[in-house]
């Protein structure tokens, strides 16, 4: 099986949309890590033993290298003990973004059937191919949805009251993302 010649460069609008979308996924991962930290620390309570705190700190070190899928699973588990409105809907939306992230990050892009469209050639772990061409606008919408979800995750983290020094560095970014 021969591979077609790869394009020298994606058009600027497509490359920019992909770059922003991938950066948005990075922000989502950071938000999930911080929310897991806050939710699980809250779950330990004020009277946690030194041994419980030590195990919890080890787990927090381990999540630093977790993938988006593992972070979503850990976040879903951490939310089970908190009163979070529409928890199942959020977990479902996160699952969709996980698949989109894998598509955007791992696809080989070829010119699509219509002008301005590109086809992401990617086979997921279930052997499925993405059937549709995509435009920069499609990817921009994925980016926007990623940021909407990340803002919800951040709001859940903030509701715990365990924010640490993270809040100040996100204040300006939250306003610019609206």
Protein backbone atom coordinates (compact mmCIF):
# COMPACT_ATOMS: atom_id res chain seq x y z
CA UNK A 1 0.00 0.00 0.00
CA UNK A 2 1.51 3.30 -1.02
CA UNK A 3 1.02 6.56 0.79
CA UNK A 4 0.11 9.64 -1.19
CA UNK A 5 2.58 12.51 -1.07
CA UNK A 6 1.93 14.57 2.02
CA UNK A 7 1.12 18.23 1.48
CA UNK A 8 4.01 20.59 2.16
CA UNK A 9 1.85 22.66 4.49
CA UNK A 10 -1.73 22.90 5.59
CA UNK A 11 -3.37 26.21 4.70
CA UNK A 12 -2.81 28.83 7.41
CA UNK A 13 -6.44 28.85 8.60
CA UNK A 14 -6.48 25.07 8.97
CA UNK A 15 -3.08 24.95 10.69
CA UNK A 16 -4.09 27.74 13.08
CA UNK A 17 -7.39 26.03 13.90
CA UNK A 18 -5.59 22.75 14.63
CA UNK A 19 -3.00 24.49 16.79
CA UNK A 20 -5.61 26.31 18.84
CA UNK A 21 -7.71 23.15 19.24
CA UNK A 22 -4.72 21.13 20.43
CA UNK A 23 -3.75 23.90 22.87
CA UNK A 24 -7.34 23.85 24.14
CA UNK A 25 -7.05 20.14 24.84
CA UNK A 26 -3.90 20.86 26.86
CA UNK A 27 -5.81 23.40 28.92
CA UNK A 28 -8.61 20.88 29.45
CA UNK A 29 -6.09 18.32 30.73
CA UNK A 30 -4.68 20.87 33.16
CA UNK A 31 -8.17 21.81 34.35
CA UNK A 32 -9.04 18.13 34.90
CA UNK A 33 -5.86 17.54 36.91
CA UNK A 34 -6.60 20.51 39.13
CA UNK A 35 -10.23 19.54 39.57
CA UNK A 36 -9.25 15.98 40.48
CA UNK A 37 -6.83 17.43 43.02
CA UNK A 38 -9.52 19.62 44.55
CA UNK A 39 -12.31 17.05 44.54
CA UNK A 40 -10.22 14.23 45.96
CA UNK A 41 -8.64 16.47 48.61
CA UNK A 42 -12.09 17.63 49.62
CA UNK A 43 -13.17 13.99 49.81
CA UNK A 44 -10.42 13.21 52.33
CA UNK A 45 -11.91 15.66 54.78
CA UNK A 46 -10.23 17.64 57.53
CA UNK A 47 -9.43 14.64 59.72
CA UNK A 48 -7.43 12.65 57.15
CA UNK A 49 -4.60 10.60 58.63
CA UNK A 50 -1.00 11.08 57.58
CA UNK A 51 -1.16 7.74 55.78
CA UNK A 52 -4.28 8.77 53.84
CA UNK A 53 -2.65 12.07 52.89
CA UNK A 54 0.50 10.27 51.78
CA UNK A 55 -1.48 7.88 49.53
CA UNK A 56 -3.45 10.82 48.13
CA UNK A 57 -0.27 12.81 47.39
CA UNK A 58 1.21 9.79 45.59
CA UNK A 59 -1.91 9.54 43.43
CA UNK A 60 -1.69 13.26 42.64
CA UNK A 61 1.91 12.74 41.48
CA UNK A 62 0.76 9.87 39.28
CA UNK A 63 -1.95 11.88 37.50
CA UNK A 64 0.67 14.35 36.26
CA UNK A 65 1.43 11.91 33.42
CA UNK A 66 -2.09 10.63 32.79
CA UNK A 67 -3.65 10.84 29.35
CA UNK A 68 -6.89 12.68 28.65
CA UNK A 69 -8.90 9.46 28.76
CA UNK A 70 -7.51 8.45 32.13
CA UNK A 71 -8.03 11.97 33.47
CA UNK A 72 -11.66 11.89 32.34
CA UNK A 73 -12.17 8.56 34.12
CA UNK A 74 -10.51 9.86 37.29
CA UNK A 75 -12.52 13.07 37.16
CA UNK A 76 -15.76 11.12 36.71
CA UNK A 77 -14.89 8.96 39.71
CA UNK A 78 -13.96 11.99 41.82
CA UNK A 79 -17.27 13.69 40.96
CA UNK A 80 -19.33 10.74 42.21
CA UNK A 81 -18.88 11.87 45.79
CA UNK A 82 -19.72 15.51 45.11
CA UNK A 83 -23.03 17.11 44.31
CA UNK A 84 -22.43 18.11 40.69
CA UNK A 85 -25.36 19.12 38.50
CA UNK A 86 -25.61 17.14 35.26
CA UNK A 87 -22.53 15.06 36.07
CA UNK A 88 -23.40 12.36 33.53
CA UNK A 89 -23.87 14.93 30.75
CA UNK A 90 -20.45 16.44 31.50
CA UNK A 91 -18.76 13.03 31.48
CA UNK A 92 -20.44 12.25 28.15
CA UNK A 93 -19.27 15.57 26.66
CA UNK A 94 -15.76 14.85 27.92
CA UNK A 95 -15.86 11.44 26.22
CA UNK A 96 -16.77 13.04 22.90
CA UNK A 97 -13.89 15.51 23.26
CA UNK A 98 -11.53 12.64 24.02
CA UNK A 99 -12.36 11.07 20.66
CA UNK A 100 -12.05 14.41 18.91
CA UNK A 101 -8.68 15.05 20.54
CA UNK A 102 -7.36 11.71 19.29
CA UNK A 103 -8.67 12.47 15.82
CA UNK A 104 -7.15 15.95 15.61
CA UNK A 105 -3.83 15.03 17.19
CA UNK A 106 -3.20 11.78 15.34
CA UNK A 107 -4.79 12.20 11.91
CA UNK A 108 -2.93 12.45 8.66
CA UNK A 109 -4.57 15.32 6.74
CA UNK A 110 -5.34 15.08 3.04
CA UNK A 111 -7.21 17.48 0.78
CA UNK A 112 -10.95 16.90 1.03
CA UNK A 113 -13.61 16.62 -1.64
CA UNK A 114 -14.66 20.26 -1.46
CA UNK A 115 -12.49 23.38 -1.60
CA UNK A 116 -11.17 24.36 1.82
CA UNK A 117 -11.97 20.98 3.34
CA UNK A 118 -9.45 18.45 4.55
CA UNK A 119 -9.92 14.80 5.36
CA UNK A 120 -8.48 13.47 8.63
CA UNK A 121 -7.19 9.97 7.92
CA UNK A 122 -7.27 8.20 11.25
CA UNK A 123 -8.40 4.79 12.48
CA UNK A 124 -9.41 4.71 16.15
CA UNK A 125 -8.92 1.81 18.56
CA UNK A 126 -12.25 0.33 17.45
CA UNK A 127 -11.11 0.23 13.82
CA UNK A 128 -13.40 3.11 12.83
CA UNK A 129 -12.47 5.79 10.32
CA UNK A 130 -13.68 9.37 10.46
CA UNK A 131 -16.07 9.58 7.50
CA UNK A 132 -16.27 13.33 6.93
CA UNK A 133 -14.05 16.06 5.62
CA UNK A 134 -13.40 18.92 8.02
CA UNK A 135 -12.88 22.64 7.61
CA UNK A 136 -11.13 25.17 9.81
CA UNK A 137 -14.57 26.21 11.06
CA UNK A 138 -15.32 22.63 12.15
CA UNK A 139 -12.11 22.52 14.13
CA UNK A 140 -12.76 25.97 15.62
CA UNK A 141 -16.08 24.65 16.93
CA UNK A 142 -14.30 21.68 18.54
CA UNK A 143 -11.92 24.17 20.17
CA UNK A 144 -14.81 26.30 21.43
CA UNK A 145 -16.55 23.23 22.91
CA UNK A 146 -13.31 22.15 24.59
CA UNK A 147 -13.03 25.56 26.25
CA UNK A 148 -16.70 25.48 27.34
CA UNK A 149 -16.12 22.12 29.00
CA UNK A 150 -12.84 23.26 30.56
CA UNK A 151 -14.59 26.29 32.07
CA UNK A 152 -17.19 23.96 33.60
CA UNK A 153 -14.43 21.76 35.03
CA UNK A 154 -12.72 24.84 36.49
CA UNK A 155 -16.02 25.95 38.05
CA UNK A 156 -16.35 22.54 39.72
CA UNK A 157 -12.82 22.87 41.07
CA UNK A 158 -13.62 26.32 42.43
CA UNK A 159 -16.81 25.08 44.11
CA UNK A 160 -14.68 22.86 46.36
CA UNK A 161 -13.00 25.93 47.88
CA UNK A 162 -9.65 24.20 47.34
CA UNK A 163 -8.08 26.32 44.64
CA UNK A 164 -4.52 26.94 45.77
CA UNK A 165 -2.52 29.48 43.81
CA UNK A 166 -4.06 28.42 40.50
CA UNK A 167 -6.94 30.87 40.52
CA UNK A 168 -4.89 34.03 39.99
CA UNK A 169 -3.17 32.67 36.90
CA UNK A 170 -6.53 31.71 35.34
CA UNK A 171 -8.49 34.89 36.09
CA UNK A 172 -7.36 36.77 32.99
CA UNK A 173 -7.60 33.69 30.78
CA UNK A 174 -11.18 33.00 31.87
CA UNK A 175 -12.27 36.49 30.84
CA UNK A 176 -10.56 36.29 27.45
CA UNK A 177 -12.08 32.87 26.69
CA UNK A 178 -15.65 34.12 26.98
